[in-house]
Each structure stands twice: as C-alpha cells, then as structure tokens.
Protein backbone atom coordinates (compact mmCIF):
# COMPACT_ATOMS: atom_id res chain seq x y z
CA MET A 1 0.00 0.00 0.00
CA ASP A 2 1.45 3.36 -0.96
CA SER A 3 1.59 6.23 1.54
CA LYS A 4 -1.21 8.19 -0.16
CA THR A 5 -3.61 5.23 0.16
CA PHE A 6 -2.54 4.66 3.76
CA ILE A 7 -3.13 8.31 4.69
CA SER A 8 -6.50 8.29 2.96
CA ARG A 9 -7.60 5.20 4.89
CA GLU A 10 -6.39 6.60 8.19
CA LYS A 11 -8.26 9.86 7.59
CA LYS A 12 -11.45 7.95 6.79
CA ILE A 13 -11.16 5.93 10.00
CA LEU A 14 -10.48 9.05 12.09
CA ASP A 15 -13.48 10.77 10.48
CA MET A 16 -15.72 7.82 11.39
CA GLU A 17 -14.44 7.82 14.97
CA TYR A 18 -15.00 11.58 15.24
CA SER A 19 -18.54 11.17 13.92
CA ILE A 20 -19.37 8.45 16.45
CA ILE A 21 -18.04 10.51 19.35
CA THR A 22 -19.77 13.69 18.15
CA ASN A 23 -23.09 11.86 17.89
CA TYR A 24 -22.62 10.30 21.31
CA VAL A 25 -21.98 13.74 22.87
CA LYS A 26 -25.13 15.14 21.25
CA ILE A 27 -27.15 12.20 22.56
CA ARG A 28 -25.78 12.62 26.10
CA LYS A 29 -26.43 16.36 26.14
CA ASN A 30 -29.93 15.99 24.65
CA ALA A 31 -30.70 13.47 27.39
CA LYS A 32 -29.52 16.09 29.91
CA ILE A 33 -27.17 13.60 31.55
CA SER A 34 -23.91 14.98 32.88
CA GLN A 35 -20.58 13.24 32.53
CA GLU A 36 -20.68 12.69 36.28
CA GLN A 37 -24.12 11.05 36.13
CA LEU A 38 -23.05 8.84 33.24
CA SER A 39 -19.94 7.87 35.16
CA HIS A 40 -22.10 6.71 38.08
CA GLU A 41 -24.24 4.59 35.72
CA THR A 42 -21.21 2.94 34.12
CA SER A 43 -17.76 1.77 35.14
CA VAL A 44 -16.18 4.59 33.08
CA ILE A 45 -14.62 7.33 35.21
CA ARG A 46 -15.63 10.92 34.49
CA THR A 47 -12.14 12.02 33.42
CA THR A 48 -12.09 9.25 30.80
CA ILE A 49 -15.50 10.39 29.54
CA ALA A 50 -14.22 13.97 29.32
CA ARG A 51 -11.11 12.90 27.39
CA ILE A 52 -13.20 10.85 24.96
CA GLU A 53 -15.58 13.77 24.41
CA ARG A 54 -12.66 16.14 23.71
CA ASN A 55 -11.16 13.59 21.28
CA MET A 56 -8.11 13.20 23.49
CA ASN A 57 -8.68 9.45 23.92
CA SER A 58 -9.70 6.91 21.35
CA PRO A 59 -12.28 4.79 23.19
CA GLN A 60 -12.29 1.03 23.03
CA LEU A 61 -15.42 -0.49 21.52
CA LYS A 62 -16.47 -1.89 24.92
CA THR A 63 -16.20 1.57 26.51
CA MET A 64 -18.25 3.21 23.77
CA LEU A 65 -20.95 0.54 24.09
CA GLU A 66 -20.97 0.98 27.86
CA LEU A 67 -21.45 4.76 27.51
CA LEU A 68 -24.24 4.41 24.96
CA GLU A 69 -26.25 1.71 26.76
CA PRO A 70 -27.70 3.88 29.58
CA LEU A 71 -28.61 6.47 26.95
CA GLY A 72 -30.69 3.86 25.11
CA TYR A 73 -28.33 3.52 22.13
CA THR A 74 -25.91 1.00 20.69
CA LEU A 75 -23.56 0.78 17.72
CA GLU A 76 -24.44 -1.05 14.54
CA ILE A 77 -22.36 -2.16 11.59
CA VAL A 78 -23.78 -0.94 8.30
CA PRO A 79 -22.39 -0.85 4.76
CA SER A 80 -20.30 2.23 4.07
CA LYS A 81 -21.28 4.70 1.41
CA LYS A 82 -18.92 4.54 -1.52
C-alpha cells in the first residue's frame, strides 16, 4: 500500500471515529445527563468520559458501548457509502 492510500484510509477511520463521538456527545447532552451522572451509571470514570468527548482518547469499543447503553443507544455495523 502506498503512503497516499494509507493516509486516505487513516483519515477515513479518524473521520468515522469523530462522527461516532460527536453523535454520542449530542445524545448525552440531549438526554440532559452529565458526565458525572453517566460515570455513576457505568464503570467509566468521568475524566475518561471527558477525554473521549474532547477527542483526546480513542475509546475502546467496549467503553463506547458501555457509555451508549444507559442512553438507550448501541452501535451497529452498516455498509459504508462509496
């Protein structure tokens, strides 16, 4: 794989991750649940939630699912748009 293809793939993956996190933050805020409240409902500490929401940490899939569950959401695999 040449470097241009590699960079393009990495950008696409980062864009998808950013989109997931941005949507999660909107969902949490619309539900009027604070990071602290969400932390109490999960095993994820508030500072980790804050770092994820500021895109300072790349969350593991398990962590993202754990944050979404009390909000009534989950992740789903769907075909990408080409």
